[in-house]
Amino acid sequence: MATREVELFRWLDRLDRDDESIVTSVRQPAALREALRVAVDLGMDATVNDATVRALRDRLETFAQRMALESHYSQHPEARPSLAEVALAAAELDDNPLSQEPALLRRAADEVVAVKPDASADDVLVWAAALHSVRAS
């Protein structure tokens, strides 16, 4: 792992035990600020500051997790799930009925990348839904 990546993880590890804070100024869209104020009023977090810190922390942690996962996949490429496997997992998470049709999802994954090489799991699910619809009619 590169030096900057190690540094990022070290700082993230400190978040849970570091009570030190600093005052900072952030330029943000006015609509975002107002939406955040309304969300706080509706109970999202105790304060706008808490909501902002939580959002930034969540994004940093997601970024770090993605980096760690990509590092793992580069060392173990056989561990990377196929597009069809990712689509199946997404369907299961969403309780999508297509989760009961893994063969259809595999077919959709194979077909959709021929048209859209950078296809996502959502693209596969849309393609599979179309295939399912055609098959049902």
Protein backbone atom coordinates (compact mmCIF):
# COMPACT_ATOMS: atom_id res chain seq x y z
CA MET A 1 0.00 0.00 0.00
CA ALA A 2 1.32 3.45 -0.91
CA THR A 3 2.41 5.92 1.75
CA ARG A 4 -0.54 8.28 1.23
CA GLU A 5 -2.99 5.38 1.49
CA VAL A 6 -1.43 4.28 4.77
CA GLU A 7 -1.65 7.87 6.00
CA LEU A 8 -5.36 8.03 5.10
CA PHE A 9 -6.10 4.84 7.05
CA ARG A 10 -4.07 6.11 10.01
CA TRP A 11 -6.13 9.33 10.13
CA LEU A 12 -9.39 7.41 9.77
CA ASP A 13 -8.37 5.16 12.67
CA ARG A 14 -7.90 8.27 14.82
CA LEU A 15 -11.46 9.47 14.23
CA ASP A 16 -12.93 7.30 16.97
CA ARG A 17 -10.46 8.35 19.65
CA ASP A 18 -9.61 11.92 18.69
CA ASP A 19 -11.77 14.59 20.33
CA GLU A 20 -9.72 17.44 18.93
CA SER A 21 -11.60 19.61 16.46
CA ILE A 22 -10.85 22.68 14.44
CA VAL A 23 -13.00 25.43 13.02
CA THR A 24 -13.08 25.53 9.25
CA SER A 25 -14.91 27.38 6.54
CA VAL A 26 -16.42 25.49 3.64
CA ARG A 27 -17.87 27.01 0.50
CA GLN A 28 -21.06 25.14 -0.34
CA PRO A 29 -24.09 25.63 -2.57
CA ALA A 30 -26.80 27.61 -0.78
CA ALA A 31 -29.44 25.01 -1.68
CA LEU A 32 -27.34 22.31 -0.04
CA ARG A 33 -27.01 24.35 3.14
CA GLU A 34 -30.74 25.00 3.30
CA ALA A 35 -31.65 21.38 2.55
CA LEU A 36 -29.30 20.32 5.33
CA ARG A 37 -30.93 22.74 7.77
CA VAL A 38 -34.36 21.35 6.93
CA ALA A 39 -33.10 17.76 7.27
CA VAL A 40 -31.68 18.58 10.70
CA ASP A 41 -35.01 20.15 11.71
CA LEU A 42 -36.66 16.89 10.60
CA GLY A 43 -34.35 14.86 12.85
CA MET A 44 -31.50 13.76 10.59
CA ASP A 45 -28.88 14.81 13.15
CA ALA A 46 -28.71 17.04 16.20
CA THR A 47 -26.96 19.91 14.41
CA VAL A 48 -25.91 20.98 10.94
CA ASN A 49 -22.31 20.50 12.03
CA ASP A 50 -23.01 16.91 13.16
CA ALA A 51 -24.69 16.14 9.85
CA THR A 52 -21.83 17.67 7.86
CA VAL A 53 -19.16 15.80 9.82
CA ARG A 54 -21.06 12.51 9.56
CA ALA A 55 -21.53 12.91 5.80
CA LEU A 56 -17.87 13.70 5.22
CA ARG A 57 -16.75 10.86 7.46
CA ASP A 58 -19.06 8.39 5.70
CA ARG A 59 -17.71 9.46 2.33
CA LEU A 60 -14.08 9.15 3.48
CA GLU A 61 -14.71 5.70 4.95
CA THR A 62 -16.46 4.55 1.77
CA PHE A 63 -13.54 5.82 -0.30
CA ALA A 64 -11.02 4.05 1.93
CA GLN A 65 -13.00 0.81 1.82
CA ARG A 66 -13.16 0.99 -1.98
CA MET A 67 -9.39 1.53 -2.11
CA ALA A 68 -8.79 -1.46 0.18
CA LEU A 69 -11.11 -3.62 -1.89
CA GLU A 70 -9.43 -2.61 -5.15
CA SER A 71 -6.03 -3.37 -3.59
CA HIS A 72 -7.31 -6.80 -2.57
CA TYR A 73 -8.68 -7.46 -6.06
CA SER A 74 -5.39 -6.44 -7.68
CA GLN A 75 -3.61 -9.00 -5.49
CA HIS A 76 -6.36 -11.64 -5.89
CA PRO A 77 -8.14 -11.03 -9.22
CA GLU A 78 -10.01 -14.32 -8.92
CA ALA A 79 -11.85 -12.88 -5.90
CA ARG A 80 -13.46 -10.07 -7.92
CA PRO A 81 -17.15 -10.89 -8.47
CA SER A 82 -18.44 -11.01 -12.02
CA LEU A 83 -20.91 -8.44 -13.27
CA ALA A 84 -23.63 -11.09 -13.08
CA GLU A 85 -22.74 -11.84 -9.44
CA VAL A 86 -22.88 -8.15 -8.55
CA ALA A 87 -26.25 -7.83 -10.30
CA LEU A 88 -27.55 -10.87 -8.42
CA ALA A 89 -26.40 -9.39 -5.10
CA ALA A 90 -28.06 -6.06 -5.96
CA ALA A 91 -31.28 -7.86 -6.88
CA GLU A 92 -31.22 -9.78 -3.59
CA LEU A 93 -30.64 -6.59 -1.59
CA ASP A 94 -33.60 -4.92 -3.32
CA ASP A 95 -35.87 -7.97 -3.06
CA ASN A 96 -36.08 -7.88 -6.85
CA PRO A 97 -37.85 -10.95 -8.25
CA LEU A 98 -34.99 -11.32 -10.73
CA SER A 99 -32.88 -12.52 -7.82
CA GLN A 100 -34.64 -15.87 -8.33
CA GLU A 101 -33.32 -16.08 -11.91
CA PRO A 102 -29.50 -16.21 -11.79
CA ALA A 103 -29.27 -17.80 -15.26
CA LEU A 104 -31.23 -14.88 -16.73
CA LEU A 105 -28.94 -12.41 -14.93
CA ARG A 106 -25.85 -14.18 -16.31
CA ARG A 107 -27.32 -14.00 -19.83
CA ALA A 108 -28.21 -10.32 -19.38
CA ALA A 109 -24.70 -9.54 -18.11
CA ASP A 110 -23.14 -11.26 -21.12
CA GLU A 111 -25.41 -9.44 -23.56
CA VAL A 112 -25.37 -5.97 -22.05
CA VAL A 113 -21.54 -5.68 -22.02
CA ALA A 114 -21.57 -6.31 -25.77
CA VAL A 115 -23.59 -3.09 -26.15
CA LYS A 116 -22.23 -1.18 -23.16
CA PRO A 117 -18.74 -2.34 -22.12
CA ASP A 118 -18.81 -0.33 -18.87
CA ALA A 119 -22.21 -1.70 -17.84
CA SER A 120 -23.20 -1.63 -14.18
CA ALA A 121 -25.26 -4.05 -12.14
CA ASP A 122 -28.25 -1.74 -12.65
CA ASP A 123 -27.76 -2.00 -16.42
CA VAL A 124 -27.80 -5.78 -16.10
CA LEU A 125 -31.01 -5.67 -14.08
CA VAL A 126 -32.73 -3.46 -16.66
CA TRP A 127 -31.57 -5.75 -19.47
CA ALA A 128 -32.71 -8.82 -17.54
CA ALA A 129 -36.11 -7.23 -16.90
CA ALA A 130 -36.47 -6.62 -20.62
CA LEU A 131 -35.51 -10.22 -21.40
CA HIS A 132 -37.97 -11.43 -18.77
CA SER A 133 -40.72 -9.28 -20.22
CA VAL A 134 -40.12 -10.55 -23.73
CA ARG A 135 -40.09 -14.13 -22.47
CA ALA A 136 -43.37 -13.58 -20.61
CA SER A 137 -45.21 -12.18 -23.63
